[in-house]
Structures are given as C-alpha cells and as structure tokens.
N, C-alpha and C. Protein backbone atom coordinates (compact mmCIF):
# COMPACT_ATOMS: atom_id res chain seq x y z
N MET A 1 -51.02 21.33 33.20
CA MET A 1 -49.55 20.80 33.03
C MET A 1 -49.62 19.83 31.86
N THR A 2 -49.13 20.21 30.63
CA THR A 2 -49.01 19.29 29.31
C THR A 2 -48.12 18.29 29.66
N LYS A 3 -48.38 17.21 28.94
CA LYS A 3 -47.54 16.00 28.94
C LYS A 3 -47.34 15.63 27.91
N LEU A 4 -46.02 14.85 27.19
CA LEU A 4 -45.65 14.40 26.17
C LEU A 4 -46.43 12.97 25.96
N PHE A 5 -47.07 13.22 24.70
CA PHE A 5 -48.28 12.34 24.25
C PHE A 5 -49.28 12.26 25.15
N GLY A 6 -49.39 12.95 25.92
CA GLY A 6 -50.54 13.06 27.03
C GLY A 6 -50.25 12.06 28.18
N LYS A 7 -49.29 11.39 28.12
CA LYS A 7 -48.87 10.37 29.05
C LYS A 7 -47.60 10.33 29.95
N TYR A 8 -46.42 11.17 29.27
CA TYR A 8 -45.53 11.36 30.24
C TYR A 8 -44.78 12.60 30.86
N ASP A 9 -44.73 12.98 31.98
CA ASP A 9 -44.64 14.03 32.55
C ASP A 9 -43.07 14.71 32.41
N MET A 10 -42.48 15.62 31.76
CA MET A 10 -41.25 15.91 31.32
C MET A 10 -40.90 16.87 32.50
N SER A 11 -41.69 17.03 33.31
CA SER A 11 -41.19 18.12 34.66
C SER A 11 -40.24 17.12 35.43
N GLU A 12 -40.57 15.91 35.48
CA GLU A 12 -39.55 14.66 36.28
C GLU A 12 -38.38 14.36 35.89
N VAL A 13 -38.18 14.61 34.66
CA VAL A 13 -36.82 14.62 33.96
C VAL A 13 -35.75 15.08 34.47
N GLU A 14 -34.61 14.29 34.93
CA GLU A 14 -33.70 14.99 35.55
C GLU A 14 -32.44 15.10 34.18
N ILE A 15 -31.71 15.75 34.14
CA ILE A 15 -30.24 15.67 33.36
C ILE A 15 -29.17 15.49 34.46
N SER A 16 -28.46 14.30 34.46
CA SER A 16 -27.35 14.52 35.33
C SER A 16 -26.27 15.09 34.72
N ASP A 17 -25.89 15.04 33.46
CA ASP A 17 -24.77 15.69 32.69
C ASP A 17 -24.79 17.31 32.73
N LYS A 18 -24.15 17.98 33.49
CA LYS A 18 -24.45 19.47 33.79
C LYS A 18 -24.17 19.74 32.62
N GLY A 19 -22.85 19.37 31.65
CA GLY A 19 -22.59 19.89 30.21
C GLY A 19 -23.89 20.03 29.32
N LEU A 20 -24.57 19.03 29.42
CA LEU A 20 -25.63 19.05 28.08
C LEU A 20 -26.79 19.85 28.83
N GLU A 21 -27.00 20.21 29.65
CA GLU A 21 -28.23 20.66 30.50
C GLU A 21 -28.82 21.52 29.48
N ARG A 22 -28.05 22.75 29.11
CA ARG A 22 -28.49 23.84 28.08
C ARG A 22 -28.58 23.15 26.82
N TYR A 23 -28.38 21.96 26.31
CA TYR A 23 -28.51 21.66 25.08
C TYR A 23 -29.80 20.75 24.68
N ILE A 24 -30.34 20.08 26.14
CA ILE A 24 -31.26 18.99 25.67
C ILE A 24 -32.37 19.70 26.14
N ASN A 25 -33.73 20.48 25.49
CA ASN A 25 -34.59 20.84 25.60
C ASN A 25 -35.47 20.04 26.09
N LEU A 26 -36.04 20.22 27.27
CA LEU A 26 -37.42 19.53 27.66
C LEU A 26 -38.83 20.03 27.63
N ASP A 27 -38.89 20.95 26.68
CA ASP A 27 -40.41 21.39 26.85
C ASP A 27 -41.43 20.59 26.62
N PRO A 28 -42.43 20.97 27.36
CA PRO A 28 -43.44 19.96 27.59
C PRO A 28 -44.35 20.40 26.22
N VAL A 29 -44.17 19.53 25.53
CA VAL A 29 -45.41 19.75 24.04
C VAL A 29 -46.47 18.63 23.76
N VAL A 30 -47.65 18.60 23.81
CA VAL A 30 -48.57 17.78 23.47
C VAL A 30 -48.29 17.08 22.32
N VAL A 31 -47.98 17.72 21.25
CA VAL A 31 -47.43 17.17 20.05
C VAL A 31 -46.09 17.61 19.74
N PRO A 32 -44.96 16.80 19.56
CA PRO A 32 -43.83 17.56 19.47
C PRO A 32 -43.40 17.46 18.06
N HIS A 33 -44.17 18.70 17.32
CA HIS A 33 -44.05 18.79 16.09
C HIS A 33 -44.27 20.19 15.99
N SER A 34 -42.76 21.33 15.97
CA SER A 34 -43.09 22.79 15.85
C SER A 34 -43.25 23.04 14.54
N GLY A 35 -43.68 22.28 13.31
CA GLY A 35 -43.53 22.69 12.15
C GLY A 35 -42.84 24.16 11.49
N GLY A 36 -41.74 23.84 11.94
CA GLY A 36 -40.25 24.59 11.64
C GLY A 36 -40.28 25.93 12.15
N ARG A 37 -41.13 26.30 13.19
CA ARG A 37 -41.11 27.37 13.72
C ARG A 37 -39.79 27.75 14.86
N LYS A 38 -39.54 26.84 15.16
CA LYS A 38 -37.93 26.77 15.94
C LYS A 38 -36.55 26.69 15.19
N SER A 39 -37.11 26.66 13.59
CA SER A 39 -35.68 25.90 12.80
C SER A 39 -35.07 27.28 12.42
N ASN A 40 -35.33 28.39 12.52
CA ASN A 40 -34.67 29.70 12.43
C ASN A 40 -34.12 30.34 13.40
N SER A 41 -34.60 29.58 14.73
CA SER A 41 -33.96 30.32 15.78
C SER A 41 -32.31 30.16 15.81
N GLU A 42 -31.89 30.88 16.96
CA GLU A 42 -30.23 30.67 17.09
C GLU A 42 -29.63 29.51 17.17
N PHE A 43 -30.56 28.89 18.04
CA PHE A 43 -29.90 27.65 18.55
C PHE A 43 -30.64 26.44 18.32
N LYS A 44 -29.94 25.04 17.76
CA LYS A 44 -30.78 24.15 17.52
C LYS A 44 -31.30 23.27 18.68
N SER A 45 -30.71 23.87 20.01
CA SER A 45 -31.16 23.19 21.17
C SER A 45 -32.62 23.76 21.52
N ASP A 46 -33.13 24.83 20.75
CA ASP A 46 -34.39 25.21 21.10
C ASP A 46 -35.47 24.25 20.79
N VAL A 47 -35.10 23.36 19.84
CA VAL A 47 -36.02 22.41 19.25
C VAL A 47 -36.33 21.11 20.47
N PRO A 48 -37.43 21.16 20.90
CA PRO A 48 -37.44 19.82 22.08
C PRO A 48 -36.51 18.63 21.38
N ILE A 49 -36.09 17.58 22.37
CA ILE A 49 -35.22 16.67 22.22
C ILE A 49 -35.98 15.60 21.51
N VAL A 50 -37.47 15.52 21.93
CA VAL A 50 -38.23 14.31 21.24
C VAL A 50 -38.64 14.62 19.68
N GLU A 51 -38.62 16.02 19.65
CA GLU A 51 -38.69 16.43 18.33
C GLU A 51 -37.32 15.97 17.37
N GLN A 52 -36.25 16.37 18.12
CA GLN A 52 -35.25 16.29 17.36
C GLN A 52 -34.90 14.61 17.07
N LEU A 53 -35.37 13.57 18.06
CA LEU A 53 -35.21 12.41 17.85
C LEU A 53 -35.93 11.80 16.44
N ILE A 54 -37.35 12.60 16.53
CA ILE A 54 -37.94 12.18 15.38
C ILE A 54 -37.58 12.49 14.13
N THR A 55 -37.13 13.66 14.03
CA THR A 55 -36.56 14.04 12.73
C THR A 55 -34.88 13.31 12.25
N LYS A 56 -34.52 12.63 13.48
CA LYS A 56 -33.27 11.82 13.08
C LYS A 56 -33.71 10.32 12.75
N MET A 57 -34.71 10.00 13.06
CA MET A 57 -35.69 8.64 12.40
C MET A 57 -35.94 8.89 11.11
N MET A 58 -36.13 10.40 10.54
CA MET A 58 -36.27 10.27 8.82
C MET A 58 -34.92 10.38 8.46
N ARG A 59 -33.91 10.26 8.84
CA ARG A 59 -32.69 10.12 8.07
C ARG A 59 -32.59 8.58 6.94
N GLY A 60 -32.07 9.02 5.86
CA GLY A 60 -31.75 7.69 5.02
C GLY A 60 -32.99 7.89 4.05
N SER A 61 -32.99 6.70 3.10
CA SER A 61 -33.77 6.74 2.02
C SER A 61 -35.35 6.67 2.29
N GLN A 62 -35.43 5.64 3.26
CA GLN A 62 -36.87 5.25 3.36
C GLN A 62 -37.50 6.08 4.11
N ASN A 63 -37.59 6.63 5.31
CA ASN A 63 -38.14 7.47 5.74
C ASN A 63 -38.28 8.96 5.31
N THR A 64 -37.59 9.39 4.18
CA THR A 64 -37.47 10.60 4.11
C THR A 64 -38.78 11.42 4.01
N GLY A 65 -38.88 12.34 5.02
CA GLY A 65 -39.95 13.21 4.57
C GLY A 65 -41.16 12.51 5.20
N LYS A 66 -41.35 11.50 5.98
CA LYS A 66 -42.19 10.96 6.11
C LYS A 66 -42.23 11.24 7.87
N LYS A 67 -42.48 12.30 8.65
CA LYS A 67 -42.94 12.68 9.74
C LYS A 67 -43.75 11.82 10.35
N GLY A 68 -44.91 11.98 9.79
CA GLY A 68 -46.12 11.29 10.70
C GLY A 68 -45.78 9.60 11.00
N LYS A 69 -44.93 8.86 9.94
CA LYS A 69 -44.22 7.96 10.49
C LYS A 69 -43.65 7.63 11.44
N ALA A 70 -42.38 8.71 11.39
CA ALA A 70 -41.44 8.61 12.10
C ALA A 70 -41.97 9.13 13.68
N PHE A 71 -43.13 9.85 13.61
CA PHE A 71 -43.50 10.38 14.88
C PHE A 71 -44.10 8.85 15.68
N ARG A 72 -45.11 8.43 14.86
CA ARG A 72 -45.96 7.07 15.33
C ARG A 72 -44.62 6.04 15.63
N ILE A 73 -43.64 5.92 15.23
CA ILE A 73 -42.62 5.00 15.43
C ILE A 73 -42.28 5.37 17.03
N VAL A 74 -41.90 6.57 17.21
CA VAL A 74 -41.01 7.28 18.24
C VAL A 74 -42.15 7.08 19.57
N LYS A 75 -43.55 7.40 19.23
CA LYS A 75 -44.58 7.08 20.17
C LYS A 75 -44.48 5.93 20.60
N GLU A 76 -44.85 4.69 19.65
CA GLU A 76 -45.06 3.42 20.06
C GLU A 76 -43.99 3.01 20.48
N ALA A 77 -42.41 3.28 20.62
CA ALA A 77 -41.33 3.21 21.06
C ALA A 77 -41.34 3.28 22.25
N PHE A 78 -41.87 4.59 22.84
CA PHE A 78 -41.95 5.00 24.18
C PHE A 78 -42.92 4.23 24.94
N ASP A 79 -44.05 3.90 24.24
CA ASP A 79 -44.96 3.09 25.01
C ASP A 79 -44.17 1.75 25.23
N LYS A 80 -43.58 1.21 24.60
CA LYS A 80 -43.16 -0.10 24.85
C LYS A 80 -42.14 0.09 25.79
N ILE A 81 -41.32 1.20 25.86
CA ILE A 81 -40.08 1.24 26.83
C ILE A 81 -40.98 1.41 28.16
N HIS A 82 -41.94 2.20 28.32
CA HIS A 82 -42.74 2.44 29.53
C HIS A 82 -43.37 1.10 29.92
N GLU A 83 -44.00 0.50 29.07
CA GLU A 83 -44.50 -1.13 29.23
C GLU A 83 -43.21 -2.07 29.82
N ASP A 84 -42.07 -1.80 29.45
CA ASP A 84 -40.90 -2.88 29.54
C ASP A 84 -40.46 -2.52 31.21
N THR A 85 -40.11 -1.23 31.14
CA THR A 85 -39.35 -1.08 32.03
C THR A 85 -39.64 -0.12 33.37
N GLY A 86 -41.11 0.35 33.20
CA GLY A 86 -42.28 1.07 34.04
C GLY A 86 -41.43 2.45 34.72
N GLU A 87 -40.41 2.96 33.70
CA GLU A 87 -39.88 4.29 33.77
C GLU A 87 -40.43 5.44 32.96
N ASN A 88 -40.08 6.45 33.09
CA ASN A 88 -40.46 7.61 32.05
C ASN A 88 -39.72 7.30 30.92
N PRO A 89 -39.99 7.33 29.67
CA PRO A 89 -39.29 7.24 28.30
C PRO A 89 -38.46 8.25 28.36
N VAL A 90 -38.74 9.43 28.32
CA VAL A 90 -37.74 10.32 28.14
C VAL A 90 -36.75 10.65 29.17
N GLN A 91 -37.06 10.10 30.14
CA GLN A 91 -35.65 10.06 31.13
C GLN A 91 -34.78 8.92 30.44
N LEU A 92 -35.17 7.73 30.42
CA LEU A 92 -34.53 6.89 29.67
C LEU A 92 -33.68 7.71 28.66
N LEU A 93 -34.46 8.64 27.59
CA LEU A 93 -33.93 8.90 26.12
C LEU A 93 -32.67 9.78 26.73
N VAL A 94 -32.74 10.86 27.95
CA VAL A 94 -32.00 11.63 28.30
C VAL A 94 -30.63 11.08 28.75
N LYS A 95 -30.80 9.88 29.43
CA LYS A 95 -29.78 8.90 29.97
C LYS A 95 -29.13 8.33 28.79
N ALA A 96 -29.98 8.00 27.60
CA ALA A 96 -29.08 7.45 26.39
C ALA A 96 -28.17 8.25 25.74
N ILE A 97 -28.90 9.63 25.61
CA ILE A 97 -28.10 10.68 24.93
C ILE A 97 -26.43 11.05 25.75
N GLU A 98 -26.85 11.14 27.15
CA GLU A 98 -25.75 11.00 27.64
C GLU A 98 -24.46 9.94 27.94
N ASN A 99 -25.26 8.65 27.61
CA ASN A 99 -24.07 7.55 27.38
C ASN A 99 -23.85 7.41 26.11
N ALA A 100 -24.44 7.88 24.92
CA ALA A 100 -23.82 7.56 23.76
C ALA A 100 -23.37 8.79 23.36
N GLY A 101 -23.30 9.73 23.78
CA GLY A 101 -22.52 11.10 22.90
C GLY A 101 -20.87 11.00 22.92
N PRO A 102 -20.05 10.77 22.34
CA PRO A 102 -18.80 10.85 22.59
C PRO A 102 -18.23 12.16 23.23
N ARG A 103 -17.39 12.33 24.07
CA ARG A 103 -16.76 13.29 24.49
C ARG A 103 -15.60 13.77 23.92
N GLU A 104 -14.85 12.97 22.84
CA GLU A 104 -13.51 12.99 22.23
C GLU A 104 -13.93 12.68 20.80
N GLY A 105 -13.00 13.18 20.06
CA GLY A 105 -13.30 13.10 18.37
C GLY A 105 -11.76 13.19 18.09
N THR A 106 -11.51 13.11 16.69
CA THR A 106 -10.49 13.32 15.67
C THR A 106 -10.74 14.13 14.49
N VAL A 107 -9.81 14.87 14.06
CA VAL A 107 -9.73 15.62 13.05
C VAL A 107 -8.61 15.08 12.30
N ARG A 108 -8.94 15.49 10.84
CA ARG A 108 -7.58 14.75 10.37
C ARG A 108 -6.87 16.13 9.36
N LEU A 109 -5.45 16.24 9.74
CA LEU A 109 -4.59 17.37 9.62
C LEU A 109 -3.71 16.60 8.34
N LYS A 110 -3.52 17.74 7.42
CA LYS A 110 -2.34 17.34 6.62
C LYS A 110 -1.14 18.27 7.06
N GLN A 111 -0.29 17.38 7.29
CA GLN A 111 1.11 17.78 7.34
C GLN A 111 2.22 17.40 6.48
N GLY A 112 2.90 17.68 5.35
CA GLY A 112 3.94 17.33 4.64
C GLY A 112 3.19 16.34 3.76
N GLY A 113 2.20 16.48 3.24
CA GLY A 113 1.69 15.28 2.21
C GLY A 113 1.17 14.37 3.06
N ILE A 114 1.30 14.02 4.40
CA ILE A 114 0.57 13.15 5.13
C ILE A 114 -0.60 13.52 5.92
N SER A 115 -1.71 12.80 6.32
CA SER A 115 -2.41 13.04 6.90
C SER A 115 -2.44 12.33 8.04
N ILE A 116 -2.44 13.17 9.47
CA ILE A 116 -2.39 12.89 10.85
C ILE A 116 -3.82 13.02 11.72
N GLN A 117 -4.27 11.97 12.56
CA GLN A 117 -5.16 12.44 13.40
C GLN A 117 -4.92 13.02 14.28
N LYS A 118 -5.59 14.31 14.50
CA LYS A 118 -5.50 15.25 16.07
C LYS A 118 -6.85 15.05 16.94
N PRO A 119 -6.56 14.46 18.40
CA PRO A 119 -7.94 14.42 19.15
C PRO A 119 -8.24 15.82 19.48
N ILE A 120 -9.37 15.84 19.49
CA ILE A 120 -10.47 17.21 19.66
C ILE A 120 -11.15 16.89 20.93
N ASP A 121 -11.91 17.68 21.63
CA ASP A 121 -12.97 17.42 22.46
C ASP A 121 -14.16 18.36 21.56
N ILE A 122 -15.10 17.22 21.96
CA ILE A 122 -16.65 17.52 21.19
C ILE A 122 -17.61 18.56 21.69
N SER A 123 -17.95 19.42 20.95
CA SER A 123 -18.85 20.34 21.99
C SER A 123 -20.08 19.49 22.29
N PRO A 124 -20.97 20.25 23.41
CA PRO A 124 -22.20 19.37 24.12
C PRO A 124 -23.11 19.56 23.01
N GLN A 125 -23.59 20.33 21.93
CA GLN A 125 -24.54 20.17 21.19
C GLN A 125 -23.92 18.98 20.00
N ARG A 126 -22.84 18.77 19.53
CA ARG A 126 -22.26 18.11 18.77
C ARG A 126 -22.55 16.62 19.45
N ARG A 127 -22.43 16.39 20.74
CA ARG A 127 -22.63 15.13 21.51
C ARG A 127 -23.94 14.89 21.57
N VAL A 128 -24.70 15.78 21.95
CA VAL A 128 -26.15 15.43 21.42
C VAL A 128 -26.84 14.76 20.13
N ASN A 129 -26.42 15.73 19.15
CA ASN A 129 -26.64 15.34 17.67
C ASN A 129 -26.06 14.08 17.52
N THR A 130 -24.72 13.73 17.82
CA THR A 130 -24.34 12.60 17.44
C THR A 130 -24.86 11.31 17.98
N ALA A 131 -25.28 11.70 19.30
CA ALA A 131 -25.78 10.52 20.18
C ALA A 131 -27.36 10.23 19.23
N LEU A 132 -28.15 11.27 19.21
CA LEU A 132 -29.55 10.98 18.26
C LEU A 132 -29.12 10.36 17.09
N ILE A 133 -28.34 10.79 16.23
CA ILE A 133 -27.99 9.97 15.04
C ILE A 133 -27.33 8.35 15.00
N LEU A 134 -26.46 8.11 16.32
CA LEU A 134 -26.29 7.11 16.46
C LEU A 134 -27.41 6.01 16.80
N ILE A 135 -28.38 6.74 17.75
CA ILE A 135 -29.58 5.59 18.15
C ILE A 135 -30.33 5.65 17.12
N ALA A 136 -30.43 6.52 16.26
CA ALA A 136 -31.48 6.10 14.80
C ALA A 136 -30.92 5.40 14.07
N LYS A 137 -29.42 5.36 13.88
CA LYS A 137 -28.78 4.59 12.83
C LYS A 137 -28.68 2.80 13.45
N GLY A 138 -28.50 2.89 14.58
CA GLY A 138 -28.53 1.76 15.48
C GLY A 138 -29.93 1.05 15.51
N THR A 139 -30.79 1.53 15.57
CA THR A 139 -32.32 1.23 15.26
C THR A 139 -32.54 0.76 13.65
N LYS A 140 -32.03 1.14 12.87
CA LYS A 140 -32.17 1.06 11.36
C LYS A 140 -31.26 -0.24 11.21
N LYS A 141 -30.30 -0.36 11.57
CA LYS A 141 -29.17 -1.03 11.68
C LYS A 141 -30.08 -2.48 11.83
N ASN A 142 -30.64 -2.34 13.16
CA ASN A 142 -30.95 -3.56 13.63
C ASN A 142 -32.26 -4.12 13.03
N SER A 143 -33.24 -3.36 12.62
CA SER A 143 -34.40 -3.84 12.29
C SER A 143 -34.55 -4.17 10.75
N PHE A 144 -33.24 -3.81 10.05
CA PHE A 144 -33.15 -4.13 8.55
C PHE A 144 -33.04 -5.70 8.51
N LYS A 145 -33.63 -6.61 7.78
CA LYS A 145 -33.71 -7.86 7.66
C LYS A 145 -33.58 -8.51 8.69
N SER A 146 -34.49 -8.19 9.90
CA SER A 146 -34.98 -8.69 10.87
C SER A 146 -36.33 -8.90 11.18
N LYS A 147 -36.48 -10.07 12.16
CA LYS A 147 -37.73 -10.20 12.47
C LYS A 147 -38.46 -9.01 13.24
N LYS A 148 -37.70 -8.47 13.99
CA LYS A 148 -38.21 -7.48 14.70
C LYS A 148 -38.49 -6.13 14.34
N SER A 149 -39.52 -5.42 14.82
CA SER A 149 -39.94 -4.38 14.03
C SER A 149 -38.98 -3.03 14.45
N VAL A 150 -39.24 -1.67 13.79
CA VAL A 150 -38.46 -0.59 13.98
C VAL A 150 -38.44 -0.09 15.31
N VAL A 151 -40.11 -0.38 15.76
CA VAL A 151 -40.63 0.02 17.14
C VAL A 151 -39.69 -0.55 18.46
N GLU A 152 -39.72 -1.86 18.05
CA GLU A 152 -39.03 -2.72 19.09
C GLU A 152 -37.49 -2.51 19.02
N CYS A 153 -36.85 -2.34 17.71
CA CYS A 153 -35.61 -1.87 17.59
C CYS A 153 -35.09 -0.69 18.32
N LEU A 154 -35.65 0.40 18.03
CA LEU A 154 -35.81 1.60 19.10
C LEU A 154 -36.02 1.84 20.32
N ALA A 155 -36.74 1.05 20.99
CA ALA A 155 -37.17 0.74 22.45
C ALA A 155 -35.57 0.09 23.22
N ASP A 156 -35.55 -0.82 22.25
CA ASP A 156 -34.22 -1.67 22.75
C ASP A 156 -33.16 -1.07 22.75
N GLU A 157 -32.98 0.03 21.69
CA GLU A 157 -31.47 0.41 21.51
C GLU A 157 -31.79 1.79 22.60
N ILE A 158 -32.78 2.27 22.72
CA ILE A 158 -32.95 3.31 24.08
C ILE A 158 -32.48 2.95 25.01
N ILE A 159 -33.16 1.77 25.73
CA ILE A 159 -32.90 1.07 26.85
C ILE A 159 -31.42 0.59 27.02
N LYS A 160 -30.91 -0.24 26.10
CA LYS A 160 -29.59 -0.52 26.08
C LYS A 160 -28.34 0.62 26.50
N ALA A 161 -28.61 1.58 25.31
CA ALA A 161 -28.08 2.82 25.64
C ALA A 161 -28.10 3.61 26.96
N ALA A 162 -29.27 3.55 27.54
CA ALA A 162 -29.42 4.18 28.85
C ALA A 162 -28.52 3.37 29.87
N ASN A 163 -28.67 1.95 29.88
CA ASN A 163 -27.81 1.06 31.00
C ASN A 163 -26.42 0.80 30.41
N TYR A 164 -25.83 1.85 29.56
CA TYR A 164 -24.49 1.53 28.94
C TYR A 164 -23.92 0.39 28.68
N ASP A 165 -25.03 -0.61 27.92
CA ASP A 165 -24.80 -1.94 27.46
C ASP A 165 -23.94 -1.80 26.16
N MET A 166 -22.95 -2.53 26.23
CA MET A 166 -21.91 -2.25 25.22
C MET A 166 -22.50 -3.04 23.71
N SER A 167 -23.61 -4.24 23.67
CA SER A 167 -24.26 -4.45 22.94
C SER A 167 -25.21 -3.29 21.88
N SER A 168 -24.96 -2.34 22.53
CA SER A 168 -26.00 -1.04 22.03
C SER A 168 -24.91 -0.61 20.92
N TYR A 169 -25.61 -0.44 19.59
CA TYR A 169 -24.95 0.12 18.52
C TYR A 169 -24.19 1.53 18.84
N SER A 170 -24.88 2.43 19.58
CA SER A 170 -24.57 3.89 19.88
C SER A 170 -23.49 3.94 20.88
N VAL A 171 -23.61 2.89 21.68
CA VAL A 171 -22.75 3.15 22.97
C VAL A 171 -21.33 2.35 22.35
N SER A 172 -21.27 1.32 21.45
CA SER A 172 -20.44 0.80 20.80
C SER A 172 -19.26 1.99 19.85
N LYS A 173 -20.15 2.58 19.13
CA LYS A 173 -19.76 3.53 18.30
C LYS A 173 -19.02 4.58 19.01
N LYS A 174 -19.92 4.97 20.12
CA LYS A 174 -19.18 6.16 21.11
C LYS A 174 -17.86 5.62 21.55
N GLU A 175 -17.43 4.39 21.89
CA GLU A 175 -16.51 3.75 22.49
C GLU A 175 -15.37 4.05 21.46
N GLU A 176 -15.48 3.39 20.43
CA GLU A 176 -14.79 3.36 19.19
C GLU A 176 -14.33 4.37 18.96
N LYS A 177 -15.23 5.70 18.99
CA LYS A 177 -14.51 7.15 18.79
C LYS A 177 -13.69 7.55 19.50
N GLU A 178 -14.01 7.27 21.02
CA GLU A 178 -13.26 7.80 21.86
C GLU A 178 -11.89 6.85 21.85
N ARG A 179 -11.91 5.59 21.70
CA ARG A 179 -10.70 4.84 21.78
C ARG A 179 -9.56 5.33 20.38
N VAL A 180 -10.37 5.61 19.49
CA VAL A 180 -9.63 6.07 18.27
C VAL A 180 -8.65 7.86 18.78
N ALA A 181 -9.44 8.59 19.27
CA ALA A 181 -8.83 9.49 19.98
C ALA A 181 -8.28 9.51 20.62
N LYS A 182 -8.12 8.45 21.60
CA LYS A 182 -7.29 8.51 22.86
C LYS A 182 -6.00 7.66 22.08
N ALA A 183 -6.16 7.02 21.11
CA ALA A 183 -4.82 6.41 20.35
C ALA A 183 -4.10 7.33 19.67
N ALA A 184 -4.62 8.36 19.22
CA ALA A 184 -4.35 9.78 18.53
C ALA A 184 -3.40 10.49 19.30
N ARG A 185 -3.44 10.62 20.49
CA ARG A 185 -2.80 11.28 21.75
C ARG A 185 -1.06 11.38 21.40
C-alpha cells in the first residue's frame, strides 16, 4: 500500500459529506504530481485532492509555475499538522474542505437596467474548488508581512477550517457568501 509522502495512509480518510464524496479524490500516490496526465480527463475531480491543493497554492504572482516550491510548502504543512494534532493531515484537509465550501451563492441578474442578486445552490465540484481557493488565499493573506512562515499559516488555516473556527479566513468567507445569498432571498 502506498502512502502520501510515504507517511500518511489515505485509506483511513473518511468523507462525512456524501455530496462531496464523488468530487474528493483520495487516490494514494507517492508523489502528488500527475504531470498533466489527468488534466485532459472528463472530470477535474479525477486529480487527487492533495495535488489540487498544491496547484491552488501556485496561484498569484509569487508562486506561479513553482510547483516544487508549492509541493514543499504542502508537505511541510502536513508534517506540522501531524506534529501539532497527532491526526492524519489528509483527514483534516477533507474536513476543512467540507467546512469551507459554500453551499449557496449569488448571481447577478439585470432586470430593467438594474442588477439584482439571485441566490443559487452551488455544485459540489465548485464547493471543493472554492474551498481550496479560499484556503490558499487565507494562507497567503496571513503570511504576508508576518513573522509566520507560509508553512505555519497553511497548517493553521487547515486546522482552523477543520474545526470550523470563525477566525479562519476560508470559513469566514464561506459564511459571508452564504449570508449574502440568504439576504438575497
């Protein structure tokens, strides 16, 4: 049986949100880098969830195209999560995705020259993508002009999101999106 980074068993990870089960891929890989083999497949969810997190960490002007650097950040953050909590970091990542993915959103409709917010349900794939983007954005926001490293900030963001802590950037943004959608009803 192969383990993620040679340390973390992917078979013991459970997904409690049944709606996201199809969209969170927990394929055990030694190195989460498919080299684009999965990019032309029919579904984005065929890419392992850890690799999706690594690619989301490459967003923005600083880390663009630096997959090795993003890989190292995620690997060290997983080690720190395991060191701090004693739990499987992949399980905490899945829990963080479940907690940080907004269920409702809004779209802007134009009616008679004015724009109106209309609430919509968000698809499971978009929930996973949005959660990963919010986790990566929160990490970069917390590490910018801070004494904490990116690794520490990513570990903190995942732990806080997994515990549904409102001080987490991703959970607070999710709540904000759902609050706007509720007000638009």
